[in-house]
Amino acid sequence: MALTSTTKQSYEKYFIHGDFSTVMDTGETIASNEIIAVDNTGEVVTGTIIDPSSPFVDEMKQYVRIQGGEQAKSPYKITIRIITDQGNKWEVDALVKIKEL
């Protein structure tokens, strides 16, 4: 149950995901999610680095599109939390580093 950390440039915008297939039972589905992003000072920046229209579920994976970001505020910590239809709660974290060459 790992979300791969990634390094991107501020211009780039793409999907990352949390894979919950190793902890969910067969037939269990993702019922709800919460996406939280904080910068390297702990300030909540979800509305800045996460595309708010992007979250979607594909089987046992929760996807979200990351965007923007500043190298000085990097790494960003992205947390994906889900609640399943069986009431189980799971969470994964990842670091998103911004690097301008």
Protein backbone atom coordinates (compact mmCIF):
# COMPACT_ATOMS: atom_id res chain seq x y z
CA MET A 1 0.00 0.00 0.00
CA ALA A 2 2.40 2.66 -1.18
CA LEU A 3 2.12 5.88 -3.07
CA THR A 4 5.30 6.51 -5.05
CA SER A 5 7.06 9.78 -4.38
CA THR A 6 7.73 11.90 -7.41
CA THR A 7 9.81 14.83 -8.59
CA LYS A 8 8.27 17.31 -11.01
CA GLN A 9 8.72 20.78 -12.44
CA SER A 10 6.14 23.39 -11.45
CA TYR A 11 4.64 23.44 -14.98
CA GLU A 12 3.87 19.72 -14.96
CA LYS A 13 0.41 18.40 -14.13
CA TYR A 14 -0.28 14.65 -13.87
CA PHE A 15 -2.03 11.91 -11.91
CA ILE A 16 -0.64 10.03 -8.93
CA HIS A 17 -2.52 7.36 -7.01
CA GLY A 18 -2.81 5.45 -3.80
CA ASP A 19 -3.07 1.69 -4.38
CA PHE A 20 -5.13 0.04 -1.64
CA SER A 21 -5.43 -3.39 -3.30
CA THR A 22 -3.13 -5.08 -0.79
CA VAL A 23 -5.34 -4.14 2.18
CA MET A 24 -8.86 -4.24 0.74
CA ASP A 25 -10.95 -7.41 0.53
CA THR A 26 -12.22 -8.81 -2.75
CA GLY A 27 -15.38 -6.93 -3.68
CA GLU A 28 -14.69 -4.08 -1.23
CA THR A 29 -14.95 -0.62 -2.78
CA ILE A 30 -13.79 2.89 -1.99
CA ALA A 31 -16.82 4.78 -0.65
CA SER A 32 -15.22 8.16 0.13
CA ASN A 33 -11.87 9.91 0.11
CA GLU A 34 -10.01 12.86 1.57
CA ILE A 35 -6.97 14.42 -0.13
CA ILE A 36 -4.69 16.68 1.93
CA ALA A 37 -1.54 18.47 0.79
CA VAL A 38 0.90 20.41 2.97
CA ASP A 39 4.08 22.26 2.07
CA ASN A 40 7.43 21.91 3.85
CA THR A 41 6.33 24.33 6.59
CA GLY A 42 3.16 22.35 7.33
CA GLU A 43 0.81 24.86 5.72
CA VAL A 44 -2.21 23.24 4.06
CA VAL A 45 -2.00 23.88 0.30
CA THR A 46 -4.48 21.33 -1.03
CA GLY A 47 -6.24 23.91 -3.21
CA THR A 48 -2.94 24.91 -4.83
CA ILE A 49 -1.15 21.66 -5.62
CA ILE A 50 -4.18 19.38 -6.14
CA ASP A 51 -6.53 19.80 -9.11
CA PRO A 52 -9.87 19.85 -7.23
CA SER A 53 -11.83 18.32 -10.13
CA SER A 54 -9.44 15.40 -10.59
CA PRO A 55 -9.98 12.75 -7.88
CA PHE A 56 -11.41 9.50 -9.21
CA VAL A 57 -11.47 5.84 -8.21
CA ASP A 58 -10.43 2.93 -10.42
CA GLU A 59 -11.15 -0.33 -8.60
CA MET A 60 -8.94 -0.20 -5.47
CA LYS A 61 -6.88 2.83 -6.49
CA GLN A 62 -7.62 6.46 -5.63
CA TYR A 63 -6.24 8.88 -8.23
CA VAL A 64 -5.57 12.61 -7.91
CA ARG A 65 -3.88 15.07 -10.28
CA ILE A 66 -1.01 17.16 -8.89
CA GLN A 67 -0.15 20.56 -10.37
CA GLY A 68 1.99 23.63 -9.81
CA GLY A 69 4.13 23.95 -6.72
CA GLU A 70 7.23 25.93 -5.80
CA GLN A 71 10.71 24.55 -5.27
CA ALA A 72 11.14 26.64 -2.09
CA LYS A 73 8.01 25.08 -0.53
CA SER A 74 8.91 21.55 -1.58
CA PRO A 75 8.71 18.74 -0.73
CA TYR A 76 4.94 18.67 -0.47
CA LYS A 77 3.33 15.87 1.50
CA ILE A 78 0.24 14.45 -0.19
CA THR A 79 -2.04 12.29 1.97
CA ILE A 80 -4.79 10.16 0.45
CA ARG A 81 -7.32 8.80 2.95
CA ILE A 82 -10.18 6.50 2.04
CA ILE A 83 -13.13 4.88 3.74
CA THR A 84 -14.41 1.67 2.17
CA ASP A 85 -17.97 0.45 1.83
CA GLN A 86 -17.17 -1.96 4.69
CA GLY A 87 -16.13 0.89 7.02
CA ASN A 88 -12.39 0.28 6.82
CA LYS A 89 -10.13 3.34 6.78
CA TRP A 90 -6.78 3.43 4.98
CA GLU A 91 -4.17 6.13 4.34
CA VAL A 92 -1.08 6.58 2.17
CA ASP A 93 1.40 9.45 1.99
CA ALA A 94 3.83 10.64 -0.66
CA LEU A 95 6.34 13.42 -1.10
CA VAL A 96 6.19 15.58 -4.20
CA LYS A 97 9.43 17.40 -4.88
CA ILE A 98 9.56 20.43 -7.17
CA LYS A 99 12.83 20.82 -9.03
CA GLU A 100 13.58 23.53 -11.55
CA LEU A 101 16.79 23.09 -13.51
